[in-house]
Amino acid sequence: MKRWGVLIILCAAQFIMVLDTTVMNVSVSAVVADLDTTITQVQLAITLYTLVMGSFMLFGGRLGDMFGRRRVFAVGLLVYGAGSLITALSPNIGVLLFGWSFVEGAGAVLVMPAIISLTAANYDGARRATAYSALGGIAAAGAAAGPLIGGWVTEALTWRVVFAAETVVCVVIIACVRVIADTGRSGSRRMDWGGTVLSALGLGLIVLALLKAGTWGFVRPSGALTIGDTEITPFGFSVVPFMIAAGIFVLIGFFAWERRVVEHGATPLMHPDLLRKLQLRNGLAMLVAQQTIIGGMFFVIPIYLQYVLLKDAFQTGLALAPMSLAMLIAAFASPGFAATQSPRRMVRIGLVLVIIGSLLLVTTIDAQMRSVLFAIGMAVFGAGFGLIASQLGNVIMSSAGDSERGEAGGLQGTAQNIGTSVGVAMLGALLIASLSAGFNEAAQADPSISAATKSRIAEASADGVEILGRDQLDEIAAANGIPADEVDSLIDHYETEQLASIKKAILLAVFLGALGLVIAQRLPRVPAAELGAPPPVGAGPPQP
């Protein structure tokens, strides 16, 4: 029982890490009203929180190696709990930015790599496969249950209760950490500050660009980055691809720096040769693909539920409940196959289910919800994602030796953040581009729309049309002096194209799932329970 008590502690920490972001996403309107701020400011807080995690995950993993993973886990929970308490007591948006985006973000940077590393340190063989399955299921369920929990608490009490409760959970977990076995620190206690700065800058540029792609435009500028009164549009394009390219060049410099650190006999932030391990590299690639799909779908499906069907946060959570339940069932059932089935087969089965579930969802996207078929599609999608999520943690961490677990955990956390950001950017960009083009084409082809209105529509569509509900469309039409006899036609065109754009975005997820099947071909073919760590980097010739 004690051994599984460790897993319960780690799962509790994993759950609040994932729950936190989803709760803030569904509580935006309540936070805006309570703090007398704007949606833009709250969205900035969400962006900064993700940016801090995405930029410094490798740093957090290295601290675990330097000072012991259990100690860093406990300190991270203390920081995270303090940030949650500051957030719960925030009197204004400035305090919330500090408490949530920076303090909680710093705590998450310490906790998330430690969870991954401590799981590997406390379990092996079939038990390790079971533990990673549980963590994957809890993470998936936390993401799906967040809207339900956040929506209910926000409407019944206040959004502050969720963050105050997180502080209590952190205190309880800290009180129990002594039951967790730790391998102690490994390597030097000198921090590679050059590598830290380069990795944070490179990853930060990429994550920020992906997060802002929906605002600034992925290729064509829409709502471009503005400094002072100057729009930053290099060569007439959005700044996003240039930021991504700059981030990649900085990361190339990071790897060159790390090789230099190793040549001088010092301890790097991350051993460059770690990525030469085929199993780890393929596991990370599949993790990015997985997070791209789920990140994009978690962006698109709530848009359908809240902007087309006009459901509130709690109702959105209820609609997502079949997915959450299926994820848990699939993730916790998967260890039963660990002795006979390989991660490659389990992930491929999961991807097939994700594709089938997504196709079912496409058929349900309509102005009126087909509740039963929608629930079936969500459940099939959730079951597939649960199977995938249950495998990859074991694949990645079983490829790393004891001294490499901090680095591997940091890489896994980084891959999760990058994948989620890519998914939101890709599906979001397709949705906005398709909606803008389709709405403009429909309006231009409608003979009942005046030339003046068509000109306004063309101008607005060039910069990207926003996702709006019917009430908001009525308000915008009235504010812009659109003739009453044209409003209904324009709204009908908008809603028709909105549904078509959501379907296209989900079909992109289907394509990504098919691409994932190709990536999954390179995952281990031995049963999950037989996966073991190869010698550490430097102990012998690098793997091909």
Protein backbone atom coordinates (compact mmCIF):
# COMPACT_ATOMS: atom_id res chain seq x y z
CA MET A 1 0.00 0.00 0.00
CA LYS A 2 2.92 2.33 0.81
CA ARG A 3 4.28 1.96 -2.73
CA TRP A 4 0.98 3.01 -4.26
CA GLY A 5 0.68 5.77 -1.66
CA VAL A 6 3.61 7.43 -3.45
CA LEU A 7 1.66 7.29 -6.70
CA ILE A 8 -1.38 8.88 -5.04
CA ILE A 9 0.80 11.78 -3.84
CA LEU A 10 2.35 12.29 -7.28
CA CYS A 11 -1.04 12.02 -9.00
CA ALA A 12 -2.49 14.66 -6.65
CA ALA A 13 0.34 17.04 -7.59
CA GLN A 14 -0.11 16.26 -11.28
CA PHE A 15 -3.86 16.92 -11.04
CA ILE A 16 -3.57 20.42 -9.57
CA MET A 17 -0.85 21.34 -12.08
CA VAL A 18 -3.18 20.52 -14.99
CA LEU A 19 -6.39 21.74 -13.34
CA ASP A 20 -5.01 25.20 -12.71
CA THR A 21 -4.82 26.42 -16.30
CA THR A 22 -8.19 25.03 -17.35
CA VAL A 23 -9.89 26.66 -14.37
CA MET A 24 -8.46 30.06 -15.27
CA ASN A 25 -9.59 29.62 -18.88
CA VAL A 26 -13.25 29.08 -17.92
CA SER A 27 -13.21 31.74 -15.18
CA VAL A 28 -12.02 34.60 -17.39
CA SER A 29 -15.29 36.58 -17.33
CA ALA A 30 -15.65 36.22 -13.56
CA VAL A 31 -12.04 37.32 -12.97
CA VAL A 32 -12.53 40.32 -15.28
CA ALA A 33 -15.61 41.46 -13.34
CA ASP A 34 -14.12 40.76 -9.89
CA LEU A 35 -10.81 42.55 -10.50
CA ASP A 36 -12.29 45.32 -12.68
CA THR A 37 -9.89 44.50 -15.50
CA THR A 38 -10.08 43.45 -19.15
CA ILE A 39 -10.11 40.13 -20.98
CA THR A 40 -6.85 41.15 -22.64
CA GLN A 41 -5.14 41.48 -19.25
CA VAL A 42 -6.37 38.08 -18.05
CA GLN A 43 -5.29 36.50 -21.33
CA LEU A 44 -1.87 38.09 -20.75
CA ALA A 45 -1.71 36.32 -17.39
CA ILE A 46 -2.53 32.99 -19.03
CA THR A 47 0.10 33.58 -21.73
CA LEU A 48 2.81 34.51 -19.21
CA TYR A 49 2.04 31.44 -17.06
CA THR A 50 2.50 29.13 -20.06
CA LEU A 51 5.57 31.08 -21.15
CA VAL A 52 7.29 30.70 -17.77
CA MET A 53 6.65 26.94 -17.75
CA GLY A 54 7.69 26.42 -21.37
CA SER A 55 10.90 28.44 -21.00
CA PHE A 56 12.31 27.10 -17.73
CA MET A 57 11.31 23.41 -17.58
CA LEU A 58 14.88 22.26 -18.35
CA PHE A 59 16.12 24.55 -15.57
CA GLY A 60 13.67 22.94 -13.14
CA GLY A 61 14.82 19.48 -14.12
CA ARG A 62 18.47 20.43 -13.56
CA LEU A 63 17.70 21.78 -10.07
CA GLY A 64 16.30 18.34 -9.23
CA ASP A 65 19.60 16.77 -10.24
CA MET A 66 21.58 19.31 -8.20
CA PHE A 67 19.66 19.28 -4.92
CA GLY A 68 17.62 16.07 -4.97
CA ARG A 69 14.29 15.58 -6.72
CA ARG A 70 12.20 15.07 -3.59
CA ARG A 71 13.53 18.25 -2.02
CA VAL A 72 12.91 20.27 -5.21
CA PHE A 73 9.44 18.69 -5.46
CA ALA A 74 8.61 19.88 -1.92
CA VAL A 75 10.07 23.35 -2.47
CA GLY A 76 8.19 23.62 -5.77
CA LEU A 77 4.92 22.73 -4.04
CA LEU A 78 5.63 25.35 -1.37
CA VAL A 79 6.22 28.00 -4.06
CA TYR A 80 3.20 26.85 -6.04
CA GLY A 81 0.96 26.90 -2.96
CA ALA A 82 2.15 30.41 -2.07
CA GLY A 83 1.38 31.55 -5.61
CA SER A 84 -2.09 29.99 -5.42
CA LEU A 85 -2.78 31.81 -2.15
CA ILE A 86 -1.60 35.14 -3.60
CA THR A 87 -3.86 34.50 -6.61
CA ALA A 88 -6.85 33.68 -4.39
CA LEU A 89 -6.38 36.94 -2.43
CA SER A 90 -5.56 39.14 -5.46
CA PRO A 91 -7.13 42.62 -5.14
CA ASN A 92 -6.18 43.59 -8.70
CA ILE A 93 -4.76 42.21 -11.95
CA GLY A 94 -1.18 43.20 -11.05
CA VAL A 95 -1.15 40.98 -7.97
CA LEU A 96 -2.78 38.15 -9.95
CA LEU A 97 -0.09 38.43 -12.63
CA PHE A 98 2.60 38.16 -9.96
CA GLY A 99 0.96 35.34 -7.98
CA TRP A 100 -0.33 33.18 -10.80
CA SER A 101 1.85 33.84 -13.83
CA PHE A 102 5.21 34.12 -12.07
CA VAL A 103 5.08 32.51 -8.60
CA GLU A 104 2.81 29.60 -9.55
CA GLY A 105 4.63 29.28 -12.87
CA ALA A 106 7.97 29.02 -11.03
CA GLY A 107 6.52 26.38 -8.72
CA ALA A 108 5.24 24.34 -11.68
CA VAL A 109 8.70 24.49 -13.27
CA LEU A 110 10.11 22.75 -10.17
CA VAL A 111 7.25 20.29 -9.60
CA MET A 112 6.51 18.89 -13.05
CA PRO A 113 9.98 17.47 -13.94
CA ALA A 114 10.24 16.15 -10.36
CA ILE A 115 6.95 14.24 -10.69
CA ILE A 116 8.26 12.49 -13.79
CA SER A 117 11.67 11.72 -12.27
CA LEU A 118 10.32 10.55 -8.89
CA THR A 119 7.94 8.14 -10.62
CA ALA A 120 10.88 6.50 -12.35
CA ALA A 121 12.83 6.41 -9.06
CA ASN A 122 10.01 4.72 -7.10
CA TYR A 123 8.77 2.17 -9.64
CA ASP A 124 10.23 -0.19 -12.21
CA GLY A 125 9.03 -2.79 -14.71
CA ALA A 126 5.27 -3.35 -14.82
CA ARG A 127 4.73 -1.10 -11.79
CA ARG A 128 6.43 1.80 -13.58
CA ALA A 129 4.18 1.26 -16.60
CA THR A 130 1.18 1.32 -14.26
CA ALA A 131 2.42 4.49 -12.54
CA TYR A 132 2.93 6.38 -15.79
CA SER A 133 -0.46 5.19 -17.02
CA ALA A 134 -2.04 6.64 -13.89
CA LEU A 135 -0.19 9.95 -14.29
CA GLY A 136 -1.23 10.17 -17.93
CA GLY A 137 -4.83 9.45 -17.06
CA ILE A 138 -4.87 11.98 -14.22
CA ALA A 139 -3.34 14.66 -16.45
CA ALA A 140 -5.90 14.02 -19.18
CA ALA A 141 -8.79 13.90 -16.72
CA GLY A 142 -7.61 17.11 -15.04
CA ALA A 143 -7.63 18.92 -18.37
CA ALA A 144 -11.12 17.67 -19.16
CA ALA A 145 -12.54 18.09 -15.63
CA GLY A 146 -11.15 21.61 -15.22
CA PRO A 147 -14.03 23.32 -17.04
CA LEU A 148 -16.56 21.32 -15.02
CA ILE A 149 -14.97 22.01 -11.64
CA GLY A 150 -14.02 25.59 -12.47
CA GLY A 151 -17.41 26.37 -13.97
CA TRP A 152 -19.36 24.99 -11.02
CA VAL A 153 -17.20 26.59 -8.31
CA THR A 154 -17.12 29.93 -10.14
CA GLU A 155 -20.91 30.06 -10.48
CA ALA A 156 -21.78 28.58 -7.08
CA LEU A 157 -19.06 30.31 -5.01
CA THR A 158 -16.16 32.26 -6.53
CA TRP A 159 -13.14 31.51 -8.69
CA ARG A 160 -10.94 32.33 -5.69
CA VAL A 161 -12.04 29.14 -3.90
CA VAL A 162 -10.29 26.93 -6.48
CA PHE A 163 -6.92 28.62 -5.93
CA ALA A 164 -7.32 28.64 -2.15
CA ALA A 165 -8.10 24.92 -2.29
CA GLU A 166 -4.93 24.32 -4.31
CA THR A 167 -2.92 25.87 -1.47
CA VAL A 168 -4.49 23.40 0.99
CA VAL A 169 -3.72 20.47 -1.33
CA CYS A 170 -0.10 21.61 -1.63
CA VAL A 171 0.28 21.72 2.16
CA VAL A 172 -1.17 18.19 2.50
CA ILE A 173 1.17 16.82 -0.19
CA ILE A 174 4.21 18.48 1.40
CA ALA A 175 3.30 16.79 4.70
CA CYS A 176 3.42 13.40 2.94
CA VAL A 177 6.57 13.71 0.81
CA ARG A 178 8.77 11.74 3.21
CA VAL A 179 7.21 8.48 1.99
CA ILE A 180 8.64 9.14 -1.49
CA ALA A 181 11.98 7.44 -2.18
CA ASP A 182 14.62 9.71 -3.68
CA THR A 183 17.85 8.88 -5.45
CA GLY A 184 19.45 12.05 -4.11
CA ARG A 185 21.38 14.59 -6.12
CA SER A 186 23.49 13.69 -9.13
CA GLY A 187 26.33 15.59 -10.74
CA SER A 188 27.81 18.93 -9.83
CA ARG A 189 25.96 21.64 -7.92
CA ARG A 190 27.21 24.29 -10.37
CA MET A 191 24.43 25.66 -12.55
CA ASP A 192 25.06 26.11 -16.26
CA TRP A 193 23.80 29.69 -16.42
CA GLY A 194 24.79 30.20 -20.05
CA GLY A 195 22.76 27.16 -21.08
CA THR A 196 19.87 28.28 -18.86
CA VAL A 197 19.69 31.71 -20.52
CA LEU A 198 19.99 30.33 -24.05
CA SER A 199 17.39 27.57 -23.55
CA ALA A 200 14.94 29.94 -21.83
CA LEU A 201 15.35 32.55 -24.58
CA GLY A 202 15.03 30.06 -27.44
CA LEU A 203 12.06 28.18 -25.98
CA GLY A 204 10.48 31.43 -24.81
CA LEU A 205 10.56 32.93 -28.32
CA ILE A 206 8.98 29.80 -29.82
CA VAL A 207 6.29 29.40 -27.15
CA LEU A 208 5.37 33.12 -27.17
CA ALA A 209 5.14 33.14 -30.97
CA LEU A 210 2.86 30.10 -30.97
CA LEU A 211 0.68 31.48 -28.18
CA LYS A 212 0.22 34.81 -29.98
CA ALA A 213 -0.23 33.35 -33.49
CA GLY A 214 -4.00 33.67 -33.19
CA THR A 215 -3.65 37.39 -32.35
CA TRP A 216 -0.76 38.40 -34.58
CA GLY A 217 -1.48 35.99 -37.44
CA PHE A 218 0.48 32.84 -38.26
CA VAL A 219 1.84 34.09 -41.61
CA ARG A 220 -0.28 37.04 -42.71
CA PRO A 221 -0.41 39.80 -40.08
CA SER A 222 -3.76 40.27 -38.34
CA GLY A 223 -3.77 42.41 -35.22
CA ALA A 224 -0.01 42.68 -35.67
CA LEU A 225 2.48 43.14 -32.82
CA THR A 226 2.58 46.87 -32.18
CA ILE A 227 5.36 48.73 -30.36
CA GLY A 228 4.41 52.34 -29.73
CA ASP A 229 2.45 53.22 -32.85
CA THR A 230 4.53 50.99 -35.13
CA GLU A 231 3.22 47.64 -36.37
CA ILE A 232 5.97 45.01 -36.55
CA THR A 233 5.37 43.22 -39.87
CA PRO A 234 8.74 42.16 -41.38
CA PHE A 235 8.51 42.16 -45.20
CA GLY A 236 4.72 42.36 -44.89
CA PHE A 237 4.46 39.09 -42.93
CA SER A 238 3.45 38.36 -39.35
CA VAL A 239 6.26 38.48 -36.81
CA VAL A 240 5.36 34.93 -35.65
CA PRO A 241 7.43 32.87 -38.15
CA PHE A 242 10.42 35.18 -37.60
CA MET A 243 10.19 34.68 -33.82
CA ILE A 244 10.02 30.91 -34.29
CA ALA A 245 13.04 31.00 -36.60
CA ALA A 246 14.93 33.18 -34.10
CA GLY A 247 14.06 30.74 -31.32
CA ILE A 248 15.38 27.81 -33.38
CA PHE A 249 18.66 29.64 -34.08
CA VAL A 250 19.05 30.41 -30.36
CA LEU A 251 18.46 26.71 -29.55
CA ILE A 252 21.13 25.75 -32.09
CA GLY A 253 23.44 28.08 -30.17
CA PHE A 254 22.28 26.41 -26.93
CA PHE A 255 23.34 22.96 -28.15
CA ALA A 256 26.70 24.35 -29.31
CA TRP A 257 27.17 25.92 -25.87
CA GLU A 258 26.30 22.64 -24.11
CA ARG A 259 28.87 20.75 -26.16
CA ARG A 260 31.45 23.34 -25.17
CA VAL A 261 30.50 22.93 -21.49
CA VAL A 262 30.94 19.14 -21.74
CA GLU A 263 34.30 19.51 -23.51
CA HIS A 264 35.52 21.66 -20.61
CA GLY A 265 34.55 18.94 -18.11
CA ALA A 266 31.67 20.87 -16.53
CA THR A 267 28.05 19.74 -16.04
CA PRO A 268 25.68 21.11 -18.71
CA LEU A 269 22.04 22.02 -18.28
CA MET A 270 21.31 19.16 -20.68
CA HIS A 271 23.71 16.66 -22.23
CA PRO A 272 23.32 17.13 -26.02
CA ASP A 273 23.95 13.41 -26.59
CA LEU A 274 20.81 12.61 -24.59
CA LEU A 275 18.75 13.35 -27.69
CA ARG A 276 20.77 10.79 -29.63
CA LYS A 277 18.90 8.09 -27.72
CA LEU A 278 16.45 6.83 -30.28
CA GLN A 279 13.79 5.70 -27.81
CA LEU A 280 13.79 9.02 -25.95
CA ARG A 281 13.78 11.07 -29.15
CA ASN A 282 10.88 9.11 -30.64
CA GLY A 283 8.96 9.28 -27.37
CA LEU A 284 9.36 13.07 -27.28
CA ALA A 285 8.27 13.38 -30.92
CA MET A 286 5.14 11.34 -30.22
CA LEU A 287 4.46 13.41 -27.08
CA VAL A 288 4.60 16.63 -29.12
CA ALA A 289 2.18 15.08 -31.64
CA GLN A 290 -0.15 13.95 -28.85
CA GLN A 291 -0.19 17.37 -27.18
CA THR A 292 -0.68 19.11 -30.53
CA ILE A 293 -3.88 17.14 -31.12
CA ILE A 294 -5.30 17.49 -27.61
CA GLY A 295 -4.25 21.14 -27.28
CA GLY A 296 -5.96 22.02 -30.55
CA MET A 297 -9.11 20.04 -29.75
CA PHE A 298 -9.37 21.58 -26.29
CA PHE A 299 -9.33 24.95 -28.05
CA VAL A 300 -11.86 24.16 -30.80
CA ILE A 301 -14.50 22.07 -28.99
CA PRO A 302 -15.18 24.68 -26.24
CA ILE A 303 -15.56 27.31 -28.99
CA TYR A 304 -18.32 25.20 -30.53
CA LEU A 305 -20.01 24.63 -27.19
CA GLN A 306 -19.77 28.21 -25.88
CA TYR A 307 -20.06 30.36 -29.02
CA VAL A 308 -22.35 28.27 -31.22
CA LEU A 309 -24.45 26.43 -28.66
CA LEU A 310 -24.09 29.26 -26.07
CA LYS A 311 -23.32 26.92 -23.16
CA ASP A 312 -21.81 28.33 -19.96
CA ALA A 313 -18.62 27.02 -18.34
CA PHE A 314 -20.40 24.38 -16.25
CA GLN A 315 -22.46 23.10 -19.19
CA THR A 316 -19.28 22.97 -21.28
CA GLY A 317 -17.67 20.84 -18.59
CA LEU A 318 -20.65 18.48 -18.58
CA ALA A 319 -20.42 18.10 -22.36
CA LEU A 320 -16.71 17.21 -21.98
CA ALA A 321 -17.39 14.73 -19.15
CA PRO A 322 -17.65 11.62 -21.42
CA MET A 323 -14.15 12.35 -22.69
CA SER A 324 -12.79 12.80 -19.17
CA LEU A 325 -14.34 9.55 -17.94
CA ALA A 326 -13.16 7.59 -20.99
CA MET A 327 -9.63 8.96 -20.57
CA LEU A 328 -9.48 7.74 -16.98
CA ILE A 329 -10.87 4.30 -17.80
CA ALA A 330 -8.51 3.78 -20.73
CA ALA A 331 -5.44 5.05 -18.86
CA PHE A 332 -6.05 2.87 -15.81
CA ALA A 333 -6.96 -0.17 -17.92
CA SER A 334 -3.81 0.03 -20.04
CA PRO A 335 -1.40 -1.39 -17.38
CA GLY A 336 -3.22 -4.71 -17.73
CA PHE A 337 -1.73 -4.96 -21.22
CA ALA A 338 1.80 -3.92 -20.17
CA ALA A 339 3.08 -7.49 -19.96
CA THR A 340 1.98 -8.44 -23.48
CA GLN A 341 1.49 -5.29 -25.55
CA SER A 342 4.13 -2.85 -26.75
CA PRO A 343 3.84 0.95 -26.48
CA ARG A 344 3.91 1.05 -30.28
CA ARG A 345 0.75 -1.04 -30.56
CA MET A 346 -1.06 0.71 -27.70
CA VAL A 347 -0.32 4.18 -29.09
CA ARG A 348 -1.40 3.17 -32.59
CA ILE A 349 -4.69 1.79 -31.24
CA GLY A 350 -5.13 5.03 -29.31
CA LEU A 351 -4.51 7.12 -32.43
CA VAL A 352 -7.05 5.11 -34.43
CA LEU A 353 -9.62 5.77 -31.70
CA VAL A 354 -8.71 9.49 -31.69
CA ILE A 355 -9.25 9.62 -35.46
CA ILE A 356 -12.59 7.77 -35.26
CA GLY A 357 -13.76 9.95 -32.36
CA SER A 358 -12.79 13.13 -34.22
CA LEU A 359 -14.65 12.02 -37.35
CA LEU A 360 -17.73 11.30 -35.25
CA LEU A 361 -17.47 14.78 -33.74
CA VAL A 362 -17.31 16.36 -37.21
CA THR A 363 -20.69 14.81 -38.04
CA THR A 364 -22.25 16.34 -34.91
CA ILE A 365 -21.11 19.93 -35.49
CA ASP A 366 -24.41 21.68 -36.17
CA ALA A 367 -26.48 24.57 -34.89
CA GLN A 368 -28.40 22.05 -32.75
CA MET A 369 -26.39 19.62 -30.65
CA ARG A 370 -26.78 15.90 -31.33
CA SER A 371 -26.18 15.00 -27.71
CA VAL A 372 -25.89 11.20 -27.93
CA LEU A 373 -23.60 11.08 -30.97
CA PHE A 374 -21.51 13.97 -29.58
CA ALA A 375 -21.06 12.12 -26.27
CA ILE A 376 -20.05 8.94 -28.13
CA GLY A 377 -17.52 10.87 -30.22
CA MET A 378 -16.06 12.53 -27.12
CA ALA A 379 -15.85 9.17 -25.31
CA VAL A 380 -14.09 7.44 -28.23
CA PHE A 381 -11.68 10.38 -28.58
CA GLY A 382 -11.03 10.34 -24.81
CA ALA A 383 -10.40 6.59 -24.72
CA GLY A 384 -7.86 6.92 -27.52
CA PHE A 385 -6.09 9.82 -25.85
CA GLY A 386 -6.04 7.95 -22.53
CA LEU A 387 -4.27 5.00 -24.16
CA ILE A 388 -1.67 7.29 -25.76
CA ALA A 389 -1.07 9.36 -22.61
CA SER A 390 -0.59 6.21 -20.53
CA GLN A 391 2.38 5.01 -22.62
CA LEU A 392 4.68 7.90 -23.43
CA GLY A 393 5.93 8.80 -19.96
CA ASN A 394 7.24 5.25 -19.53
CA VAL A 395 8.79 5.25 -23.01
CA ILE A 396 10.67 8.50 -22.37
CA MET A 397 11.84 7.91 -18.80
CA SER A 398 12.76 4.24 -19.34
CA SER A 399 15.28 5.43 -21.93
CA ALA A 400 17.14 7.55 -19.34
CA GLY A 401 19.54 6.41 -16.65
CA ASP A 402 19.28 7.47 -12.99
CA SER A 403 21.60 10.45 -13.48
CA GLU A 404 19.66 11.63 -16.54
CA ARG A 405 16.13 11.64 -15.13
CA GLY A 406 16.09 15.33 -14.28
CA GLU A 407 17.09 16.25 -17.83
CA ALA A 408 14.63 13.76 -19.34
CA GLY A 409 11.85 15.09 -17.10
CA GLY A 410 12.64 18.64 -18.18
CA LEU A 411 12.55 17.58 -21.83
CA GLN A 412 9.20 15.86 -21.32
CA GLY A 413 7.69 18.96 -19.70
CA THR A 414 9.07 21.14 -22.50
CA ALA A 415 7.63 18.83 -25.17
CA GLN A 416 4.20 18.99 -23.51
CA ASN A 417 4.17 22.79 -23.50
CA ILE A 418 5.50 23.10 -27.05
CA GLY A 419 2.97 20.55 -28.35
CA THR A 420 0.01 22.23 -26.69
CA SER A 421 1.07 25.64 -28.02
CA VAL A 422 1.50 24.24 -31.54
CA GLY A 423 -1.97 22.65 -31.41
CA VAL A 424 -3.71 25.84 -30.32
CA ALA A 425 -1.79 27.85 -32.93
CA MET A 426 -2.40 25.46 -35.84
CA LEU A 427 -6.08 24.67 -35.29
CA GLY A 428 -6.79 28.23 -34.15
CA ALA A 429 -5.10 29.74 -37.20
CA LEU A 430 -7.00 27.43 -39.56
CA LEU A 431 -10.30 28.20 -37.84
CA ILE A 432 -9.82 31.98 -38.04
CA ALA A 433 -8.49 31.92 -41.62
CA SER A 434 -11.31 29.68 -42.83
CA LEU A 435 -13.98 31.71 -41.03
CA SER A 436 -12.63 35.02 -42.36
CA ALA A 437 -12.38 33.83 -45.97
CA GLY A 438 -15.69 31.97 -45.96
CA PHE A 439 -17.66 34.79 -44.34
CA ASN A 440 -16.26 37.35 -46.76
CA GLU A 441 -16.99 35.14 -49.81
CA ALA A 442 -20.57 34.49 -48.65
CA ALA A 443 -21.20 38.18 -48.00
CA GLN A 444 -19.72 39.26 -51.36
CA ALA A 445 -21.89 36.73 -53.21
CA ASP A 446 -25.13 37.77 -51.47
CA PRO A 447 -27.10 40.20 -53.70
CA SER A 448 -29.14 41.45 -50.73
CA ILE A 449 -26.03 42.98 -49.10
CA SER A 450 -25.18 46.56 -50.11
CA ALA A 451 -21.85 47.51 -51.68
CA ALA A 452 -20.95 49.66 -48.65
CA THR A 453 -21.50 46.76 -46.24
CA LYS A 454 -19.57 44.39 -48.52
CA SER A 455 -16.65 46.80 -48.43
CA ARG A 456 -16.71 46.86 -44.62
CA ILE A 457 -16.86 43.04 -44.48
CA ALA A 458 -13.91 42.72 -46.88
CA GLU A 459 -11.85 45.17 -44.80
CA ALA A 460 -12.68 43.42 -41.51
CA SER A 461 -12.03 39.93 -42.97
CA ALA A 462 -8.57 40.94 -44.21
CA ASP A 463 -7.41 41.31 -40.59
CA GLY A 464 -9.12 38.12 -39.39
CA VAL A 465 -12.68 37.76 -38.09
CA GLU A 466 -13.09 37.15 -34.36
CA ILE A 467 -14.99 34.22 -32.83
CA LEU A 468 -18.27 35.70 -31.61
CA GLY A 469 -21.70 34.64 -30.37
CA ARG A 470 -24.99 35.78 -31.89
CA ASP A 471 -25.61 38.46 -29.24
CA GLN A 472 -22.17 39.94 -29.86
CA LEU A 473 -22.80 39.95 -33.61
CA ASP A 474 -26.02 41.92 -33.10
CA GLU A 475 -24.17 44.48 -30.97
CA ILE A 476 -21.36 44.90 -33.52
CA ALA A 477 -23.83 45.29 -36.38
CA ALA A 478 -25.73 47.99 -34.47
CA ALA A 479 -22.52 49.81 -33.48
CA ASN A 480 -21.34 49.89 -37.11
CA GLY A 481 -24.63 51.09 -38.49
CA ILE A 482 -25.36 47.98 -40.59
CA PRO A 483 -28.92 48.26 -42.03
CA ALA A 484 -31.40 46.09 -40.12
CA ASP A 485 -32.51 44.25 -43.28
CA GLU A 486 -28.92 43.05 -43.85
CA VAL A 487 -28.10 42.00 -40.28
CA ASP A 488 -29.96 38.68 -40.29
CA SER A 489 -28.39 37.63 -43.60
CA LEU A 490 -24.90 38.49 -42.37
CA ILE A 491 -25.40 36.63 -39.10
CA ASP A 492 -26.67 33.56 -41.00
CA HIS A 493 -23.58 33.66 -43.24
CA TYR A 494 -21.30 34.06 -40.22
CA GLU A 495 -22.86 31.17 -38.29
CA THR A 496 -22.76 28.89 -41.35
CA GLU A 497 -19.08 29.62 -41.94
CA GLN A 498 -18.34 29.32 -38.23
CA LEU A 499 -19.66 25.73 -38.23
CA ALA A 500 -17.73 24.93 -41.43
CA SER A 501 -14.52 26.35 -39.94
CA ILE A 502 -14.88 24.31 -36.74
CA LYS A 503 -15.31 21.17 -38.86
CA LYS A 504 -12.17 21.99 -40.85
CA ALA A 505 -10.17 22.50 -37.64
CA ILE A 506 -11.29 19.10 -36.31
CA LEU A 507 -10.41 17.50 -39.66
CA LEU A 508 -6.91 18.96 -39.24
CA ALA A 509 -6.75 17.06 -35.93
CA VAL A 510 -7.70 13.91 -37.88
CA PHE A 511 -4.81 14.58 -40.28
CA LEU A 512 -2.45 15.08 -37.33
CA GLY A 513 -3.66 11.78 -35.88
CA ALA A 514 -2.83 10.05 -39.16
CA LEU A 515 0.61 11.68 -39.10
CA GLY A 516 0.98 10.41 -35.54
CA LEU A 517 0.51 6.86 -36.83
CA VAL A 518 3.67 7.33 -38.87
CA ILE A 519 5.60 8.66 -35.87
CA ALA A 520 4.30 5.81 -33.68
CA GLN A 521 5.96 3.29 -36.01
CA ARG A 522 9.27 4.19 -34.35
CA LEU A 523 8.15 3.52 -30.77
CA PRO A 524 9.44 0.42 -28.89
CA ARG A 525 8.01 -2.93 -29.98
CA VAL A 526 8.74 -4.78 -26.74
CA PRO A 527 6.04 -5.00 -24.03
CA ALA A 528 5.85 -1.87 -21.84
CA ALA A 529 6.76 -3.84 -18.70
CA GLU A 530 10.08 -4.86 -20.28
CA LEU A 531 11.29 -1.34 -21.05
CA GLY A 532 14.51 -0.58 -19.22
CA ALA A 533 17.02 2.23 -19.06
CA PRO A 534 20.17 1.95 -21.19
CA PRO A 535 23.54 3.06 -19.80
CA PRO A 536 23.79 6.79 -19.05
CA VAL A 537 25.19 9.17 -21.62
CA GLY A 538 28.96 8.96 -21.53
CA ALA A 539 29.01 5.35 -20.29
CA GLY A 540 29.58 3.98 -23.77
CA PRO A 541 29.11 4.68 -27.45
CA PRO A 542 26.01 6.77 -28.13
CA GLN A 543 22.98 5.04 -29.55
CA PRO A 544 22.22 5.70 -33.20
